[in-house]
């Protein structure tokens, strides 16, 4: 097991975020592989409303994905039999993505994997640490959304 502890205080914030996310993604993909899934597929299945379906046009923004990447994933999971496309009754031009029975099963597995990760991490942190973590993440996201990091005026 690799120990990040000694050097973590010397890392840049973006490196710590990136390295941690890459470790999480690797972990999710290793676990997902045992269920014939990938992290991207699991995330997509979790983003689809299991009861009413989800408009295909809403999935990209909901997941923070580009249309071409999303199209590839949707094609792949449709070929696997996890989803089906149906006309949107509220928009004649639109399509709703619905989970099939198999898709619902794979979604349930994905949800279980995510919840287990969250539960194990929570067992190793205090509520105060979790609150601080979410506060830091929220601040970083706010700075990015409000374009306060890279502006024309370099004095932030």
N, C-alpha and C. Protein backbone atom coordinates (compact mmCIF):
# COMPACT_ATOMS: atom_id res chain seq x y z
N UNK A 1 0.84 -1.18 0.00
CA UNK A 1 0.00 0.00 0.00
C UNK A 1 0.89 1.24 0.00
N UNK A 2 0.55 2.19 -0.82
CA UNK A 2 1.31 3.42 -0.93
C UNK A 2 0.86 4.38 0.17
N UNK A 3 1.82 5.01 0.85
CA UNK A 3 1.48 5.98 1.88
C UNK A 3 1.66 7.38 1.33
N UNK A 4 0.61 8.18 1.40
CA UNK A 4 0.66 9.55 0.92
C UNK A 4 0.94 10.53 2.06
N UNK A 5 0.86 10.05 3.28
CA UNK A 5 0.91 10.91 4.46
C UNK A 5 2.13 11.84 4.51
N UNK A 6 3.37 11.32 4.41
CA UNK A 6 4.51 12.21 4.60
C UNK A 6 4.56 13.40 3.65
N UNK A 7 4.21 13.19 2.40
CA UNK A 7 4.36 14.25 1.42
C UNK A 7 3.09 15.07 1.22
N UNK A 8 1.96 14.64 1.75
CA UNK A 8 0.68 15.30 1.46
C UNK A 8 0.72 16.79 1.77
N UNK A 9 1.36 17.18 2.87
CA UNK A 9 1.40 18.60 3.22
C UNK A 9 2.20 19.42 2.22
N UNK A 10 3.07 18.76 1.45
CA UNK A 10 3.89 19.46 0.47
C UNK A 10 3.25 19.51 -0.92
N UNK A 11 2.13 18.82 -1.10
CA UNK A 11 1.50 18.75 -2.41
C UNK A 11 0.69 20.01 -2.70
N UNK A 12 0.51 20.27 -3.99
CA UNK A 12 -0.40 21.34 -4.35
C UNK A 12 -1.84 20.82 -4.21
N UNK A 13 -2.76 21.73 -4.06
CA UNK A 13 -4.17 21.35 -3.89
C UNK A 13 -4.66 20.58 -5.11
N UNK A 14 -4.34 21.07 -6.31
CA UNK A 14 -4.83 20.38 -7.51
C UNK A 14 -4.23 18.99 -7.63
N UNK A 15 -2.98 18.80 -7.24
CA UNK A 15 -2.37 17.47 -7.31
C UNK A 15 -3.08 16.52 -6.34
N UNK A 16 -3.34 16.98 -5.12
CA UNK A 16 -4.02 16.14 -4.13
C UNK A 16 -5.41 15.74 -4.63
N UNK A 17 -6.15 16.69 -5.22
CA UNK A 17 -7.47 16.39 -5.77
C UNK A 17 -7.38 15.37 -6.90
N UNK A 18 -6.45 15.62 -7.83
CA UNK A 18 -6.31 14.75 -9.00
C UNK A 18 -5.87 13.35 -8.60
N UNK A 19 -4.85 13.26 -7.74
CA UNK A 19 -4.34 11.95 -7.33
C UNK A 19 -5.40 11.16 -6.56
N UNK A 20 -6.15 11.86 -5.72
CA UNK A 20 -7.21 11.19 -4.96
C UNK A 20 -8.32 10.71 -5.89
N UNK A 21 -8.75 11.58 -6.82
CA UNK A 21 -9.81 11.18 -7.74
C UNK A 21 -9.36 10.01 -8.61
N UNK A 22 -8.10 10.03 -9.06
CA UNK A 22 -7.61 8.92 -9.89
C UNK A 22 -7.60 7.61 -9.09
N UNK A 23 -7.24 7.69 -7.81
CA UNK A 23 -7.27 6.50 -6.96
C UNK A 23 -8.70 5.99 -6.78
N UNK A 24 -9.64 6.92 -6.57
CA UNK A 24 -11.04 6.54 -6.43
C UNK A 24 -11.55 5.91 -7.73
N UNK A 25 -11.23 6.52 -8.86
CA UNK A 25 -11.67 5.99 -10.16
C UNK A 25 -11.10 4.59 -10.39
N UNK A 26 -9.82 4.39 -10.08
CA UNK A 26 -9.22 3.06 -10.23
C UNK A 26 -9.94 2.04 -9.35
N UNK A 27 -10.21 2.43 -8.10
CA UNK A 27 -10.89 1.55 -7.16
C UNK A 27 -12.28 1.19 -7.69
N UNK A 28 -13.04 2.21 -8.14
CA UNK A 28 -14.38 1.95 -8.67
C UNK A 28 -14.31 1.04 -9.91
N UNK A 29 -13.37 1.30 -10.80
CA UNK A 29 -13.27 0.47 -12.01
C UNK A 29 -12.89 -0.97 -11.69
N UNK A 30 -12.00 -1.17 -10.72
CA UNK A 30 -11.65 -2.54 -10.32
C UNK A 30 -12.87 -3.27 -9.78
N UNK A 31 -13.64 -2.59 -8.93
CA UNK A 31 -14.84 -3.20 -8.36
C UNK A 31 -15.90 -3.40 -9.45
N UNK A 32 -16.08 -2.41 -10.30
CA UNK A 32 -17.10 -2.47 -11.35
C UNK A 32 -16.83 -3.63 -12.31
N UNK A 33 -15.55 -3.89 -12.58
CA UNK A 33 -15.17 -4.96 -13.51
C UNK A 33 -15.75 -6.31 -13.07
N UNK A 34 -15.86 -6.52 -11.75
CA UNK A 34 -16.38 -7.79 -11.25
C UNK A 34 -17.87 -7.96 -11.56
N UNK A 35 -18.53 -6.87 -11.95
CA UNK A 35 -19.96 -6.91 -12.28
C UNK A 35 -20.21 -6.59 -13.75
N UNK A 36 -19.17 -6.70 -14.58
CA UNK A 36 -19.25 -6.37 -16.00
C UNK A 36 -19.70 -4.92 -16.21
N UNK A 37 -19.13 -4.03 -15.40
CA UNK A 37 -19.43 -2.61 -15.48
C UNK A 37 -18.13 -1.81 -15.54
N UNK A 38 -18.26 -0.52 -15.76
CA UNK A 38 -17.15 0.41 -15.58
C UNK A 38 -17.69 1.53 -14.70
N UNK A 39 -16.80 2.35 -14.19
CA UNK A 39 -17.24 3.47 -13.38
C UNK A 39 -18.15 4.39 -14.20
N UNK A 40 -17.78 4.64 -15.44
CA UNK A 40 -18.57 5.53 -16.30
C UNK A 40 -19.98 4.98 -16.53
N UNK A 41 -20.06 3.67 -16.75
CA UNK A 41 -21.38 3.05 -16.95
C UNK A 41 -22.20 3.15 -15.66
N UNK A 42 -21.58 2.83 -14.53
CA UNK A 42 -22.29 2.91 -13.25
C UNK A 42 -22.80 4.31 -12.99
N UNK A 43 -21.95 5.31 -13.24
CA UNK A 43 -22.33 6.71 -13.03
C UNK A 43 -23.50 7.08 -13.94
N UNK A 44 -23.47 6.59 -15.17
CA UNK A 44 -24.56 6.87 -16.11
C UNK A 44 -25.86 6.23 -15.63
N UNK A 45 -25.80 4.97 -15.22
CA UNK A 45 -27.00 4.28 -14.73
C UNK A 45 -27.58 4.98 -13.51
N UNK A 46 -26.70 5.49 -12.63
CA UNK A 46 -27.17 6.20 -11.44
C UNK A 46 -27.79 7.55 -11.78
N UNK A 47 -27.46 8.09 -12.94
CA UNK A 47 -27.97 9.39 -13.36
C UNK A 47 -29.31 9.31 -14.08
N UNK A 48 -29.75 8.10 -14.37
CA UNK A 48 -31.03 7.89 -15.06
C UNK A 48 -32.11 7.62 -14.03
N UNK A 49 -33.20 8.37 -14.10
CA UNK A 49 -34.31 8.17 -13.17
C UNK A 49 -34.88 6.77 -13.38
N UNK A 50 -34.85 5.94 -12.34
CA UNK A 50 -35.28 4.55 -12.50
C UNK A 50 -36.78 4.38 -12.75
N UNK A 51 -37.58 5.38 -12.41
CA UNK A 51 -39.03 5.25 -12.58
C UNK A 51 -39.53 5.89 -13.87
N UNK A 52 -39.10 7.11 -14.12
CA UNK A 52 -39.66 7.86 -15.25
C UNK A 52 -38.72 7.98 -16.44
N UNK A 53 -37.49 7.52 -16.29
CA UNK A 53 -36.51 7.71 -17.35
C UNK A 53 -35.99 9.13 -17.30
N UNK A 54 -35.02 9.42 -18.14
CA UNK A 54 -34.40 10.74 -18.17
C UNK A 54 -34.23 11.18 -19.62
N UNK A 55 -34.59 12.43 -19.93
CA UNK A 55 -34.35 12.91 -21.30
C UNK A 55 -32.86 12.83 -21.63
N UNK A 56 -32.57 12.35 -22.82
CA UNK A 56 -31.16 12.21 -23.21
C UNK A 56 -30.44 13.55 -23.16
N UNK A 57 -31.15 14.63 -23.47
CA UNK A 57 -30.52 15.95 -23.47
C UNK A 57 -30.19 16.44 -22.05
N UNK A 58 -30.84 15.87 -21.04
CA UNK A 58 -30.59 16.28 -19.65
C UNK A 58 -29.42 15.52 -19.04
N UNK A 59 -29.08 14.37 -19.61
CA UNK A 59 -28.03 13.53 -19.02
C UNK A 59 -26.65 14.18 -19.06
N UNK A 60 -26.29 14.76 -20.20
CA UNK A 60 -24.96 15.37 -20.34
C UNK A 60 -24.70 16.42 -19.27
N UNK A 61 -25.57 17.45 -19.18
CA UNK A 61 -25.36 18.46 -18.15
C UNK A 61 -25.41 17.89 -16.73
N UNK A 62 -26.29 16.93 -16.51
CA UNK A 62 -26.43 16.32 -15.18
C UNK A 62 -25.13 15.62 -14.77
N UNK A 63 -24.46 15.03 -15.75
CA UNK A 63 -23.24 14.26 -15.48
C UNK A 63 -21.97 15.08 -15.71
N UNK A 64 -22.12 16.28 -16.27
CA UNK A 64 -20.94 17.08 -16.57
C UNK A 64 -20.12 16.49 -17.70
N UNK A 65 -20.80 15.91 -18.69
CA UNK A 65 -20.11 15.24 -19.80
C UNK A 65 -20.43 15.92 -21.12
N UNK A 66 -19.49 15.80 -22.03
CA UNK A 66 -19.69 16.28 -23.39
C UNK A 66 -20.63 15.31 -24.11
N UNK A 67 -21.36 15.82 -25.09
CA UNK A 67 -22.34 15.01 -25.81
C UNK A 67 -21.70 13.80 -26.49
N UNK A 68 -20.51 13.96 -27.07
CA UNK A 68 -19.89 12.83 -27.79
C UNK A 68 -19.51 11.71 -26.83
N UNK A 69 -18.97 12.05 -25.66
CA UNK A 69 -18.62 11.02 -24.68
C UNK A 69 -19.87 10.31 -24.17
N UNK A 70 -20.90 11.10 -23.91
CA UNK A 70 -22.15 10.53 -23.43
C UNK A 70 -22.76 9.62 -24.49
N UNK A 71 -22.73 10.03 -25.74
CA UNK A 71 -23.27 9.21 -26.83
C UNK A 71 -22.60 7.85 -26.89
N UNK A 72 -21.28 7.84 -26.72
CA UNK A 72 -20.54 6.56 -26.74
C UNK A 72 -20.98 5.66 -25.60
N UNK A 73 -21.12 6.23 -24.40
CA UNK A 73 -21.53 5.42 -23.25
C UNK A 73 -22.95 4.91 -23.44
N UNK A 74 -23.86 5.78 -23.90
CA UNK A 74 -25.25 5.36 -24.12
C UNK A 74 -25.33 4.25 -25.16
N UNK A 75 -24.55 4.37 -26.23
CA UNK A 75 -24.54 3.33 -27.26
C UNK A 75 -24.05 2.01 -26.65
N UNK A 76 -23.00 2.08 -25.86
CA UNK A 76 -22.44 0.88 -25.23
C UNK A 76 -23.43 0.22 -24.28
N UNK A 77 -24.10 1.03 -23.43
CA UNK A 77 -25.01 0.41 -22.47
C UNK A 77 -26.32 -0.03 -23.12
N UNK A 78 -26.66 0.58 -24.24
CA UNK A 78 -27.82 0.11 -24.99
C UNK A 78 -27.51 -1.25 -25.61
N UNK A 79 -26.30 -1.39 -26.16
CA UNK A 79 -25.87 -2.67 -26.75
C UNK A 79 -25.81 -3.77 -25.69
N UNK A 80 -25.48 -3.41 -24.47
CA UNK A 80 -25.42 -4.39 -23.36
C UNK A 80 -26.82 -4.73 -22.82
N UNK A 81 -27.81 -3.96 -23.24
CA UNK A 81 -29.18 -4.23 -22.80
C UNK A 81 -29.53 -3.58 -21.48
N UNK A 82 -28.79 -2.53 -21.07
CA UNK A 82 -29.05 -1.87 -19.80
C UNK A 82 -30.07 -0.74 -19.93
N UNK A 83 -30.21 -0.19 -21.13
CA UNK A 83 -31.15 0.91 -21.35
C UNK A 83 -31.93 0.69 -22.63
N UNK A 84 -33.02 1.42 -22.75
CA UNK A 84 -33.74 1.51 -24.02
C UNK A 84 -34.19 2.95 -24.20
N UNK A 85 -34.24 3.35 -25.44
CA UNK A 85 -34.66 4.71 -25.77
C UNK A 85 -36.13 4.68 -26.18
N UNK A 86 -36.91 5.62 -25.63
CA UNK A 86 -38.33 5.71 -25.96
C UNK A 86 -38.64 7.17 -26.28
N UNK A 87 -39.61 7.39 -27.17
CA UNK A 87 -40.00 8.77 -27.48
C UNK A 87 -40.49 9.48 -26.21
N UNK A 88 -40.14 10.74 -26.09
CA UNK A 88 -40.58 11.54 -24.95
C UNK A 88 -42.02 11.99 -25.22
N UNK A 89 -42.98 11.56 -24.39
CA UNK A 89 -44.37 11.94 -24.64
C UNK A 89 -44.62 13.45 -24.49
N UNK A 90 -43.74 14.14 -23.78
CA UNK A 90 -43.90 15.59 -23.58
C UNK A 90 -43.16 16.42 -24.63
N UNK A 91 -42.35 15.76 -25.45
CA UNK A 91 -41.56 16.46 -26.47
C UNK A 91 -41.38 15.50 -27.64
N UNK A 92 -42.14 15.71 -28.69
CA UNK A 92 -42.12 14.80 -29.84
C UNK A 92 -40.75 14.61 -30.46
N UNK A 93 -39.87 15.59 -30.29
CA UNK A 93 -38.52 15.47 -30.87
C UNK A 93 -37.55 14.78 -29.93
N UNK A 94 -37.92 14.70 -28.64
CA UNK A 94 -37.00 14.20 -27.63
C UNK A 94 -37.09 12.70 -27.40
N UNK A 95 -36.08 12.19 -26.71
CA UNK A 95 -35.98 10.78 -26.38
C UNK A 95 -35.77 10.65 -24.87
N UNK A 96 -36.46 9.69 -24.27
CA UNK A 96 -36.25 9.38 -22.86
C UNK A 96 -35.40 8.11 -22.78
N UNK A 97 -34.44 8.14 -21.89
CA UNK A 97 -33.61 6.96 -21.64
C UNK A 97 -34.22 6.24 -20.45
N UNK A 98 -34.60 4.99 -20.65
CA UNK A 98 -35.19 4.16 -19.59
C UNK A 98 -34.27 2.99 -19.29
N UNK A 99 -34.22 2.60 -18.03
CA UNK A 99 -33.45 1.43 -17.64
C UNK A 99 -34.27 0.18 -17.91
N UNK A 100 -33.62 -0.85 -18.42
CA UNK A 100 -34.27 -2.15 -18.59
C UNK A 100 -34.19 -2.87 -17.25
N UNK A 101 -34.76 -4.06 -17.19
CA UNK A 101 -34.67 -4.87 -15.96
C UNK A 101 -33.21 -5.09 -15.60
N UNK A 102 -32.40 -5.46 -16.60
CA UNK A 102 -30.97 -5.67 -16.37
C UNK A 102 -30.30 -4.36 -15.96
N UNK A 103 -30.69 -3.25 -16.57
CA UNK A 103 -30.15 -1.94 -16.22
C UNK A 103 -30.46 -1.57 -14.78
N UNK A 104 -31.67 -1.89 -14.33
CA UNK A 104 -32.05 -1.63 -12.94
C UNK A 104 -31.19 -2.46 -11.98
N UNK A 105 -30.91 -3.70 -12.37
CA UNK A 105 -30.05 -4.56 -11.54
C UNK A 105 -28.64 -3.97 -11.46
N UNK A 106 -28.11 -3.55 -12.60
CA UNK A 106 -26.74 -2.98 -12.64
C UNK A 106 -26.71 -1.65 -11.90
N UNK A 107 -27.80 -0.89 -11.97
CA UNK A 107 -27.90 0.38 -11.24
C UNK A 107 -27.86 0.11 -9.74
N UNK A 108 -28.59 -0.90 -9.29
CA UNK A 108 -28.62 -1.24 -7.87
C UNK A 108 -27.21 -1.63 -7.38
N UNK A 109 -26.49 -2.37 -8.20
CA UNK A 109 -25.11 -2.75 -7.85
C UNK A 109 -24.25 -1.49 -7.75
N UNK A 110 -24.38 -0.60 -8.72
CA UNK A 110 -23.60 0.64 -8.73
C UNK A 110 -23.89 1.46 -7.48
N UNK A 111 -25.15 1.55 -7.12
CA UNK A 111 -25.54 2.32 -5.94
C UNK A 111 -24.94 1.71 -4.68
N UNK A 112 -24.98 0.39 -4.60
CA UNK A 112 -24.41 -0.32 -3.45
C UNK A 112 -22.90 -0.05 -3.32
N UNK A 113 -22.20 -0.06 -4.45
CA UNK A 113 -20.75 0.18 -4.46
C UNK A 113 -20.45 1.60 -3.97
N UNK A 114 -21.20 2.57 -4.46
CA UNK A 114 -21.00 3.97 -4.05
C UNK A 114 -21.31 4.15 -2.56
N UNK A 115 -22.40 3.56 -2.11
CA UNK A 115 -22.78 3.69 -0.70
C UNK A 115 -21.75 3.02 0.22
N UNK A 116 -21.21 1.90 -0.23
CA UNK A 116 -20.18 1.22 0.59
C UNK A 116 -18.95 2.10 0.72
N UNK A 117 -18.51 2.70 -0.39
CA UNK A 117 -17.37 3.61 -0.34
C UNK A 117 -17.64 4.73 0.66
N UNK A 118 -18.81 5.36 0.53
CA UNK A 118 -19.16 6.45 1.44
C UNK A 118 -19.20 6.00 2.89
N UNK A 119 -19.79 4.85 3.15
CA UNK A 119 -19.90 4.36 4.53
C UNK A 119 -18.54 4.05 5.13
N UNK A 120 -17.66 3.42 4.36
CA UNK A 120 -16.34 3.09 4.89
C UNK A 120 -15.54 4.36 5.17
N UNK A 121 -15.59 5.32 4.26
CA UNK A 121 -14.87 6.59 4.49
C UNK A 121 -15.44 7.27 5.73
N UNK A 122 -16.76 7.30 5.86
CA UNK A 122 -17.39 7.96 7.01
C UNK A 122 -16.99 7.30 8.33
N UNK A 123 -16.74 5.99 8.29
CA UNK A 123 -16.32 5.29 9.51
C UNK A 123 -14.93 5.72 9.99
N UNK A 124 -14.16 6.31 9.08
CA UNK A 124 -12.79 6.70 9.40
C UNK A 124 -12.62 8.20 9.61
N UNK A 125 -13.72 8.93 9.56
CA UNK A 125 -13.68 10.38 9.73
C UNK A 125 -14.71 10.81 10.76
N UNK A 126 -14.42 11.90 11.43
CA UNK A 126 -15.42 12.47 12.34
C UNK A 126 -16.39 13.30 11.51
N UNK A 127 -17.52 13.63 12.09
CA UNK A 127 -18.48 14.48 11.40
C UNK A 127 -17.86 15.84 11.11
N UNK A 128 -17.03 16.33 12.02
CA UNK A 128 -16.36 17.62 11.82
C UNK A 128 -15.42 17.54 10.60
N UNK A 129 -14.68 16.45 10.47
CA UNK A 129 -13.79 16.30 9.31
C UNK A 129 -14.59 16.26 8.01
N UNK A 130 -15.70 15.53 8.01
CA UNK A 130 -16.56 15.48 6.82
C UNK A 130 -17.12 16.85 6.48
N UNK A 131 -17.59 17.56 7.50
CA UNK A 131 -18.12 18.90 7.27
C UNK A 131 -17.05 19.81 6.68
N UNK A 132 -15.83 19.73 7.19
CA UNK A 132 -14.73 20.55 6.68
C UNK A 132 -14.40 20.15 5.24
N UNK A 133 -14.39 18.86 4.96
CA UNK A 133 -14.11 18.39 3.60
C UNK A 133 -15.12 18.99 2.62
N UNK A 134 -16.40 18.89 2.94
CA UNK A 134 -17.42 19.40 2.04
C UNK A 134 -17.37 20.93 1.94
N UNK A 135 -16.99 21.58 3.01
CA UNK A 135 -16.83 23.03 2.97
C UNK A 135 -15.69 23.42 2.03
N UNK A 136 -14.58 22.70 2.09
CA UNK A 136 -13.43 22.97 1.21
C UNK A 136 -13.82 22.73 -0.25
N UNK A 137 -14.46 21.60 -0.52
CA UNK A 137 -14.87 21.28 -1.89
C UNK A 137 -15.84 22.33 -2.42
N UNK A 138 -16.79 22.73 -1.59
CA UNK A 138 -17.76 23.75 -2.00
C UNK A 138 -17.05 25.08 -2.32
N UNK A 139 -16.07 25.43 -1.50
CA UNK A 139 -15.33 26.67 -1.74
C UNK A 139 -14.55 26.60 -3.05
N UNK A 140 -13.90 25.49 -3.30
CA UNK A 140 -13.15 25.32 -4.55
C UNK A 140 -14.09 25.43 -5.75
N UNK A 141 -15.21 24.74 -5.69
CA UNK A 141 -16.19 24.80 -6.79
C UNK A 141 -16.73 26.21 -6.98
N UNK A 142 -17.00 26.90 -5.91
CA UNK A 142 -17.52 28.26 -5.98
C UNK A 142 -16.49 29.18 -6.65
N UNK A 143 -15.22 29.06 -6.26
CA UNK A 143 -14.16 29.87 -6.86
C UNK A 143 -14.07 29.62 -8.36
N UNK A 144 -14.24 28.37 -8.75
CA UNK A 144 -14.17 28.03 -10.18
C UNK A 144 -15.38 28.58 -10.92
N UNK A 145 -16.57 28.33 -10.40
CA UNK A 145 -17.80 28.78 -11.05
C UNK A 145 -17.84 30.30 -11.17
N UNK A 146 -17.38 30.98 -10.14
CA UNK A 146 -17.40 32.44 -10.15
C UNK A 146 -16.18 33.04 -10.86
N UNK A 147 -15.38 32.14 -11.46
CA UNK A 147 -14.19 32.55 -12.23
C UNK A 147 -13.27 33.48 -11.43
N UNK A 148 -13.03 33.08 -10.19
CA UNK A 148 -12.18 33.88 -9.31
C UNK A 148 -10.74 33.38 -9.27
N UNK A 149 -10.42 32.38 -10.04
CA UNK A 149 -9.06 31.86 -10.02
C UNK A 149 -8.25 32.46 -11.17
N UNK A 150 -8.77 32.36 -12.37
CA UNK A 150 -8.08 32.93 -13.52
C UNK A 150 -8.93 34.05 -14.09
N UNK A 151 -8.54 35.25 -13.80
CA UNK A 151 -9.26 36.41 -14.30
C UNK A 151 -8.27 37.31 -15.05
N UNK A 152 -8.81 38.28 -15.73
CA UNK A 152 -7.93 39.22 -16.44
C UNK A 152 -7.08 40.00 -15.44
N UNK A 153 -7.70 40.32 -14.31
CA UNK A 153 -6.98 40.98 -13.24
C UNK A 153 -6.28 39.89 -12.43
N UNK A 154 -4.98 39.80 -12.50
CA UNK A 154 -4.24 38.72 -11.85
C UNK A 154 -4.21 38.83 -10.33
N UNK A 155 -4.59 39.95 -9.79
CA UNK A 155 -4.62 40.11 -8.33
C UNK A 155 -5.96 39.62 -7.80
N UNK A 156 -5.99 38.40 -7.29
CA UNK A 156 -7.23 37.82 -6.77
C UNK A 156 -7.21 37.98 -5.27
